[in-house]
């Protein structure tokens, strides 16, 4: 069982609280970095919330899909 699976099972039924914690942590990072990485922090917050079940929102349509890894020789 991965760490993420363990977190999901512990947070089951407490998705709203987990979402608030993710928001609070992201705001803390934004404050400490003076907003320098706010775009990356926001993206990380959204992905974490999706993984933990905090939101049912799909990713924003303007977010490009990740590029596949290059083929191995």
PDB file of N, CA and C in Angstrom:
ATOM      1  N   UNK A   1       0.854  -1.176   0.000  1.00  0.00           N
ATOM      2  CA  UNK A   1       0.000   0.000   0.000  1.00  0.00           C
ATOM      3  C   UNK A   1       0.899   1.238   0.000  1.00  0.00           C
ATOM      4  N   UNK A   2       0.647   2.131  -0.941  1.00  0.00           N
ATOM      5  CA  UNK A   2       1.460   3.336  -1.045  1.00  0.00           C
ATOM      6  C   UNK A   2       1.055   4.356   0.019  1.00  0.00           C
ATOM      7  N   UNK A   3       1.894   5.346   0.182  1.00  0.00           N
ATOM      8  CA  UNK A   3       1.625   6.403   1.155  1.00  0.00           C
ATOM      9  C   UNK A   3       0.338   7.131   0.785  1.00  0.00           C
ATOM     10  N   UNK A   4       0.128   7.374  -0.504  1.00  0.00           N
ATOM     11  CA  UNK A   4      -1.081   8.069  -0.934  1.00  0.00           C
ATOM     12  C   UNK A   4      -2.329   7.253  -0.605  1.00  0.00           C
ATOM     13  N   UNK A   5      -2.248   5.946  -0.784  1.00  0.00           N
ATOM     14  CA  UNK A   5      -3.391   5.089  -0.432  1.00  0.00           C
ATOM     15  C   UNK A   5      -3.690   5.151   1.060  1.00  0.00           C
ATOM     16  N   UNK A   6      -2.638   5.161   1.867  1.00  0.00           N
ATOM     17  CA  UNK A   6      -2.823   5.255   3.316  1.00  0.00           C
ATOM     18  C   UNK A   6      -3.464   6.585   3.690  1.00  0.00           C
ATOM     19  N   UNK A   7      -2.983   7.671   3.059  1.00  0.00           N
ATOM     20  CA  UNK A   7      -3.569   8.990   3.328  1.00  0.00           C
ATOM     21  C   UNK A   7      -5.037   9.031   2.938  1.00  0.00           C
ATOM     22  N   UNK A   8      -5.351   8.476   1.778  1.00  0.00           N
ATOM     23  CA  UNK A   8      -6.741   8.463   1.320  1.00  0.00           C
ATOM     24  C   UNK A   8      -7.640   7.719   2.297  1.00  0.00           C
ATOM     25  N   UNK A   9      -7.159   6.584   2.799  1.00  0.00           N
ATOM     26  CA  UNK A   9      -7.990   5.818   3.728  1.00  0.00           C
ATOM     27  C   UNK A   9      -8.153   6.546   5.055  1.00  0.00           C
ATOM     28  N   UNK A  10      -7.119   7.254   5.503  1.00  0.00           N
ATOM     29  CA  UNK A  10      -7.215   7.996   6.765  1.00  0.00           C
ATOM     30  C   UNK A  10      -8.128   9.208   6.627  1.00  0.00           C
ATOM     31  N   UNK A  11      -8.145   9.810   5.439  1.00  0.00           N
ATOM     32  CA  UNK A  11      -8.915  11.032   5.230  1.00  0.00           C
ATOM     33  C   UNK A  11     -10.338  10.774   4.744  1.00  0.00           C
ATOM     34  N   UNK A  12     -10.691   9.522   4.536  1.00  0.00           N
ATOM     35  CA  UNK A  12     -12.030   9.195   4.046  1.00  0.00           C
ATOM     36  C   UNK A  12     -13.079   9.788   4.990  1.00  0.00           C
ATOM     37  N   UNK A  13     -13.969  10.589   4.428  1.00  0.00           N
ATOM     38  CA  UNK A  13     -15.001  11.245   5.223  1.00  0.00           C
ATOM     39  C   UNK A  13     -14.584  12.623   5.724  1.00  0.00           C
ATOM     40  N   UNK A  14     -13.324  12.993   5.503  1.00  0.00           N
ATOM     41  CA  UNK A  14     -12.815  14.289   5.962  1.00  0.00           C
ATOM     42  C   UNK A  14     -12.195  15.068   4.802  1.00  0.00           C
ATOM     43  N   UNK A  15     -12.771  14.906   3.618  1.00  0.00           N
ATOM     44  CA  UNK A  15     -12.210  15.534   2.432  1.00  0.00           C
ATOM     45  C   UNK A  15     -12.194  17.058   2.534  1.00  0.00           C
ATOM     46  N   UNK A  16     -13.236  17.627   3.131  1.00  0.00           N
ATOM     47  CA  UNK A  16     -13.296  19.087   3.255  1.00  0.00           C
ATOM     48  C   UNK A  16     -12.169  19.610   4.130  1.00  0.00           C
ATOM     49  N   UNK A  17     -11.892  18.920   5.225  1.00  0.00           N
ATOM     50  CA  UNK A  17     -10.810  19.342   6.106  1.00  0.00           C
ATOM     51  C   UNK A  17      -9.461  19.194   5.420  1.00  0.00           C
ATOM     52  N   UNK A  18      -9.288  18.122   4.647  1.00  0.00           N
ATOM     53  CA  UNK A  18      -8.041  17.926   3.911  1.00  0.00           C
ATOM     54  C   UNK A  18      -7.862  19.033   2.883  1.00  0.00           C
ATOM     55  N   UNK A  19      -8.952  19.407   2.220  1.00  0.00           N
ATOM     56  CA  UNK A  19      -8.902  20.471   1.232  1.00  0.00           C
ATOM     57  C   UNK A  19      -8.497  21.799   1.875  1.00  0.00           C
ATOM     58  N   UNK A  20      -9.047  22.071   3.048  1.00  0.00           N
ATOM     59  CA  UNK A  20      -8.681  23.298   3.763  1.00  0.00           C
ATOM     60  C   UNK A  20      -7.204  23.280   4.153  1.00  0.00           C
ATOM     61  N   UNK A  21      -6.709  22.117   4.559  1.00  0.00           N
ATOM     62  CA  UNK A  21      -5.297  21.990   4.917  1.00  0.00           C
ATOM     63  C   UNK A  21      -4.388  22.219   3.728  1.00  0.00           C
ATOM     64  N   UNK A  22      -4.778  21.695   2.573  1.00  0.00           N
ATOM     65  CA  UNK A  22      -3.997  21.903   1.356  1.00  0.00           C
ATOM     66  C   UNK A  22      -3.977  23.389   1.008  1.00  0.00           C
ATOM     67  N   UNK A  23      -5.137  24.057   1.121  1.00  0.00           N
ATOM     68  CA  UNK A  23      -5.202  25.492   0.849  1.00  0.00           C
ATOM     69  C   UNK A  23      -4.306  26.278   1.810  1.00  0.00           C
ATOM     70  N   UNK A  24      -4.364  25.918   3.072  1.00  0.00           N
ATOM     71  CA  UNK A  24      -3.581  26.629   4.082  1.00  0.00           C
ATOM     72  C   UNK A  24      -2.079  26.441   3.834  1.00  0.00           C
ATOM     73  N   UNK A  25      -1.678  25.227   3.496  1.00  0.00           N
ATOM     74  CA  UNK A  25      -0.268  24.961   3.210  1.00  0.00           C
ATOM     75  C   UNK A  25       0.192  25.740   1.979  1.00  0.00           C
ATOM     76  N   UNK A  26      -0.644  25.764   0.944  1.00  0.00           N
ATOM     77  CA  UNK A  26      -0.295  26.515  -0.265  1.00  0.00           C
ATOM     78  C   UNK A  26      -0.183  27.998   0.004  1.00  0.00           C
ATOM     79  N   UNK A  27      -1.092  28.527   0.820  1.00  0.00           N
ATOM     80  CA  UNK A  27      -1.024  29.946   1.175  1.00  0.00           C
ATOM     81  C   UNK A  27       0.246  30.253   1.958  1.00  0.00           C
ATOM     82  N   UNK A  28       0.657  29.323   2.822  1.00  0.00           N
ATOM     83  CA  UNK A  28       1.882  29.495   3.598  1.00  0.00           C
ATOM     84  C   UNK A  28       3.091  29.565   2.671  1.00  0.00           C
ATOM     85  N   UNK A  29       3.139  28.654   1.691  1.00  0.00           N
ATOM     86  CA  UNK A  29       4.256  28.642   0.738  1.00  0.00           C
ATOM     87  C   UNK A  29       4.253  29.926  -0.081  1.00  0.00           C
ATOM     88  N   UNK A  30       3.066  30.354  -0.532  1.00  0.00           N
ATOM     89  CA  UNK A  30       2.975  31.613  -1.282  1.00  0.00           C
ATOM     90  C   UNK A  30       3.490  32.784  -0.460  1.00  0.00           C
ATOM     91  N   UNK A  31       3.137  32.802   0.813  1.00  0.00           N
ATOM     92  CA  UNK A  31       3.576  33.893   1.681  1.00  0.00           C
ATOM     93  C   UNK A  31       5.099  33.883   1.838  1.00  0.00           C
ATOM     94  N   UNK A  32       5.669  32.709   2.079  1.00  0.00           N
ATOM     95  CA  UNK A  32       7.109  32.603   2.301  1.00  0.00           C
ATOM     96  C   UNK A  32       7.913  32.897   1.039  1.00  0.00           C
ATOM     97  N   UNK A  33       7.359  32.582  -0.131  1.00  0.00           N
ATOM     98  CA  UNK A  33       8.067  32.824  -1.390  1.00  0.00           C
ATOM     99  C   UNK A  33       7.639  34.141  -2.028  1.00  0.00           C
ATOM    100  N   UNK A  34       6.834  34.900  -1.307  1.00  0.00           N
ATOM    101  CA  UNK A  34       6.326  36.197  -1.777  1.00  0.00           C
ATOM    102  C   UNK A  34       5.626  36.073  -3.127  1.00  0.00           C
ATOM    103  N   UNK A  35       4.916  34.969  -3.326  1.00  0.00           N
ATOM    104  CA  UNK A  35       4.126  34.768  -4.541  1.00  0.00           C
ATOM    105  C   UNK A  35       4.923  34.419  -5.775  1.00  0.00           C
ATOM    106  N   UNK A  36       6.229  34.211  -5.618  1.00  0.00           N
ATOM    107  CA  UNK A  36       7.099  33.943  -6.764  1.00  0.00           C
ATOM    108  C   UNK A  36       6.692  32.674  -7.511  1.00  0.00           C
ATOM    109  N   UNK A  37       6.193  31.687  -6.781  1.00  0.00           N
ATOM    110  CA  UNK A  37       5.832  30.400  -7.379  1.00  0.00           C
ATOM    111  C   UNK A  37       4.338  30.130  -7.265  1.00  0.00           C
ATOM    112  N   UNK A  38       3.537  31.166  -7.243  1.00  0.00           N
ATOM    113  CA  UNK A  38       2.100  30.989  -6.992  1.00  0.00           C
ATOM    114  C   UNK A  38       1.427  30.109  -8.046  1.00  0.00           C
ATOM    115  N   UNK A  39       1.837  30.193  -9.284  1.00  0.00           N
ATOM    116  CA  UNK A  39       1.249  29.353 -10.329  1.00  0.00           C
ATOM    117  C   UNK A  39       1.513  27.879 -10.089  1.00  0.00           C
ATOM    118  N   UNK A  40       2.759  27.556  -9.739  1.00  0.00           N
ATOM    119  CA  UNK A  40       3.108  26.172  -9.463  1.00  0.00           C
ATOM    120  C   UNK A  40       2.423  25.676  -8.194  1.00  0.00           C
ATOM    121  N   UNK A  41       2.325  26.546  -7.182  1.00  0.00           N
ATOM    122  CA  UNK A  41       1.676  26.167  -5.926  1.00  0.00           C
ATOM    123  C   UNK A  41       0.196  25.899  -6.171  1.00  0.00           C
ATOM    124  N   UNK A  42      -0.455  26.751  -6.957  1.00  0.00           N
ATOM    125  CA  UNK A  42      -1.875  26.559  -7.258  1.00  0.00           C
ATOM    126  C   UNK A  42      -2.109  25.237  -7.996  1.00  0.00           C
ATOM    127  N   UNK A  43      -1.230  24.927  -8.946  1.00  0.00           N
ATOM    128  CA  UNK A  43      -1.349  23.674  -9.683  1.00  0.00           C
ATOM    129  C   UNK A  43      -1.184  22.483  -8.747  1.00  0.00           C
ATOM    130  N   UNK A  44      -0.205  22.565  -7.857  1.00  0.00           N
ATOM    131  CA  UNK A  44       0.024  21.482  -6.901  1.00  0.00           C
ATOM    132  C   UNK A  44      -1.170  21.320  -5.964  1.00  0.00           C
ATOM    133  N   UNK A  45      -1.749  22.443  -5.534  1.00  0.00           N
ATOM    134  CA  UNK A  45      -2.923  22.380  -4.658  1.00  0.00           C
ATOM    135  C   UNK A  45      -4.076  21.670  -5.360  1.00  0.00           C
ATOM    136  N   UNK A  46      -4.339  22.022  -6.608  1.00  0.00           N
ATOM    137  CA  UNK A  46      -5.435  21.406  -7.361  1.00  0.00           C
ATOM    138  C   UNK A  46      -5.219  19.899  -7.505  1.00  0.00           C
ATOM    139  N   UNK A  47      -3.991  19.513  -7.858  1.00  0.00           N
ATOM    140  CA  UNK A  47      -3.707  18.090  -8.066  1.00  0.00           C
ATOM    141  C   UNK A  47      -3.817  17.316  -6.754  1.00  0.00           C
ATOM    142  N   UNK A  48      -3.340  17.898  -5.667  1.00  0.00           N
ATOM    143  CA  UNK A  48      -3.452  17.230  -4.370  1.00  0.00           C
ATOM    144  C   UNK A  48      -4.898  17.055  -3.965  1.00  0.00           C
ATOM    145  N   UNK A  49      -5.697  18.096  -4.167  1.00  0.00           N
ATOM    146  CA  UNK A  49      -7.119  18.006  -3.820  1.00  0.00           C
ATOM    147  C   UNK A  49      -7.804  16.920  -4.636  1.00  0.00           C
ATOM    148  N   UNK A  50      -7.463  16.814  -5.913  1.00  0.00           N
ATOM    149  CA  UNK A  50      -8.053  15.775  -6.750  1.00  0.00           C
ATOM    150  C   UNK A  50      -7.639  14.395  -6.259  1.00  0.00           C
ATOM    151  N   UNK A  51      -6.371  14.231  -5.917  1.00  0.00           N
ATOM    152  CA  UNK A  51      -5.875  12.941  -5.442  1.00  0.00           C
ATOM    153  C   UNK A  51      -6.507  12.539  -4.118  1.00  0.00           C
ATOM    154  N   UNK A  52      -6.710  13.516  -3.233  1.00  0.00           N
ATOM    155  CA  UNK A  52      -7.253  13.227  -1.913  1.00  0.00           C
ATOM    156  C   UNK A  52      -8.767  13.238  -1.884  1.00  0.00           C
ATOM    157  N   UNK A  53      -9.395  13.582  -2.999  1.00  0.00           N
ATOM    158  CA  UNK A  53     -10.851  13.573  -3.057  1.00  0.00           C
ATOM    159  C   UNK A  53     -11.480  14.838  -2.516  1.00  0.00           C
ATOM    160  N   UNK A  54     -10.721  15.923  -2.442  1.00  0.00           N
ATOM    161  CA  UNK A  54     -11.243  17.169  -1.905  1.00  0.00           C
ATOM    162  C   UNK A  54     -12.153  17.899  -2.865  1.00  0.00           C
ATOM    163  N   UNK A  55     -11.971  17.687  -4.160  1.00  0.00           N
ATOM    164  CA  UNK A  55     -12.829  18.328  -5.158  1.00  0.00           C
ATOM    165  C   UNK A  55     -13.176  17.317  -6.227  1.00  0.00           C
ATOM    166  N   UNK A  56     -14.271  17.559  -6.884  1.00  0.00           N
ATOM    167  CA  UNK A  56     -14.677  16.724  -8.005  1.00  0.00           C
ATOM    168  C   UNK A  56     -14.451  17.439  -9.322  1.00  0.00           C
ATOM    169  N   UNK A  57     -13.685  18.538  -9.274  1.00  0.00           N
ATOM    170  CA  UNK A  57     -13.467  19.333 -10.471  1.00  0.00           C
ATOM    171  C   UNK A  57     -12.376  18.693 -11.328  1.00  0.00           C
ATOM    172  N   UNK A  58     -12.619  18.603 -12.642  1.00  0.00           N
ATOM    173  CA  UNK A  58     -11.557  18.137 -13.532  1.00  0.00           C
ATOM    174  C   UNK A  58     -10.519  19.242 -13.687  1.00  0.00           C
ATOM    175  N   UNK A  59      -9.340  18.930 -14.206  1.00  0.00           N
ATOM    176  CA  UNK A  59      -8.335  19.969 -14.409  1.00  0.00           C
ATOM    177  C   UNK A  59      -8.847  21.049 -15.352  1.00  0.00           C
ATOM    178  N   UNK A  60      -8.315  22.238 -15.208  1.00  0.00           N
ATOM    179  CA  UNK A  60      -8.728  23.349 -16.067  1.00  0.00           C
ATOM    180  C   UNK A  60      -8.418  23.004 -17.526  1.00  0.00           C
ATOM    181  N   UNK A  61      -9.323  23.386 -18.460  1.00  0.00           N
ATOM    182  CA  UNK A  61      -9.103  23.045 -19.865  1.00  0.00           C
ATOM    183  C   UNK A  61      -7.893  23.752 -20.474  1.00  0.00           C
ATOM    184  N   UNK A  62      -7.462  24.881 -19.910  1.00  0.00           N
ATOM    185  CA  UNK A  62      -6.323  25.595 -20.478  1.00  0.00           C
ATOM    186  C   UNK A  62      -4.992  24.989 -20.022  1.00  0.00           C
ATOM    187  N   UNK A  63      -5.036  23.950 -19.180  1.00  0.00           N
ATOM    188  CA  UNK A  63      -3.824  23.278 -18.744  1.00  0.00           C
ATOM    189  C   UNK A  63      -3.438  22.245 -19.792  1.00  0.00           C
ATOM    190  N   UNK A  64      -2.251  22.392 -20.396  1.00  0.00           N
ATOM    191  CA  UNK A  64      -1.860  21.421 -21.425  1.00  0.00           C
ATOM    192  C   UNK A  64      -1.547  20.073 -20.784  1.00  0.00           C
ATOM    193  N   UNK A  65      -1.819  18.986 -21.503  1.00  0.00           N
ATOM    194  CA  UNK A  65      -1.504  17.662 -20.959  1.00  0.00           C
ATOM    195  C   UNK A  65       0.007  17.480 -20.864  1.00  0.00           C
ATOM    196  N   UNK A  66       0.434  16.662 -19.962  1.00  0.00           N
ATOM    197  CA  UNK A  66       1.856  16.409 -19.783  1.00  0.00           C
ATOM    198  C   UNK A  66       2.401  15.671 -21.017  1.00  0.00           C
ATOM    199  N   UNK A  67       3.615  16.013 -21.391  1.00  0.00           N
ATOM    200  CA  UNK A  67       4.244  15.376 -22.542  1.00  0.00           C
ATOM    201  C   UNK A  67       4.685  13.969 -22.158  1.00  0.00           C
ATOM    202  N   UNK A  68       4.547  13.022 -23.062  1.00  0.00           N
ATOM    203  CA  UNK A  68       4.999  11.655 -22.751  1.00  0.00           C
ATOM    204  C   UNK A  68       6.515  11.638 -22.672  1.00  0.00           C
ATOM    205  N   UNK A  69       7.086  10.712 -21.928  1.00  0.00           N
ATOM    206  CA  UNK A  69       8.551  10.639 -21.834  1.00  0.00           C
ATOM    207  C   UNK A  69       9.145  10.228 -23.169  1.00  0.00           C
ATOM    208  N   UNK A  70      10.382  10.640 -23.427  1.00  0.00           N
ATOM    209  CA  UNK A  70      11.012  10.275 -24.711  1.00  0.00           C
ATOM    210  C   UNK A  70      11.260   8.764 -24.749  1.00  0.00           C
ATOM    211  N   UNK A  71      11.239   8.200 -25.954  1.00  0.00           N
ATOM    212  CA  UNK A  71      11.459   6.750 -26.079  1.00  0.00           C
ATOM    213  C   UNK A  71      12.877   6.396 -25.635  1.00  0.00           C
ATOM    214  N   UNK A  72      13.000   5.224 -25.042  1.00  0.00           N
ATOM    215  CA  UNK A  72      14.318   4.746 -24.590  1.00  0.00           C
ATOM    216  C   UNK A  72      15.025   4.075 -25.761  1.00  0.00           C
ATOM    217  N   UNK A  73      16.328   4.349 -25.923  1.00  0.00           N
ATOM    218  CA  UNK A  73      17.076   3.720 -27.048  1.00  0.00           C
ATOM    219  C   UNK A  73      17.350   2.268 -26.810  1.00  0.00           C
TER     220      UNK A  73
END
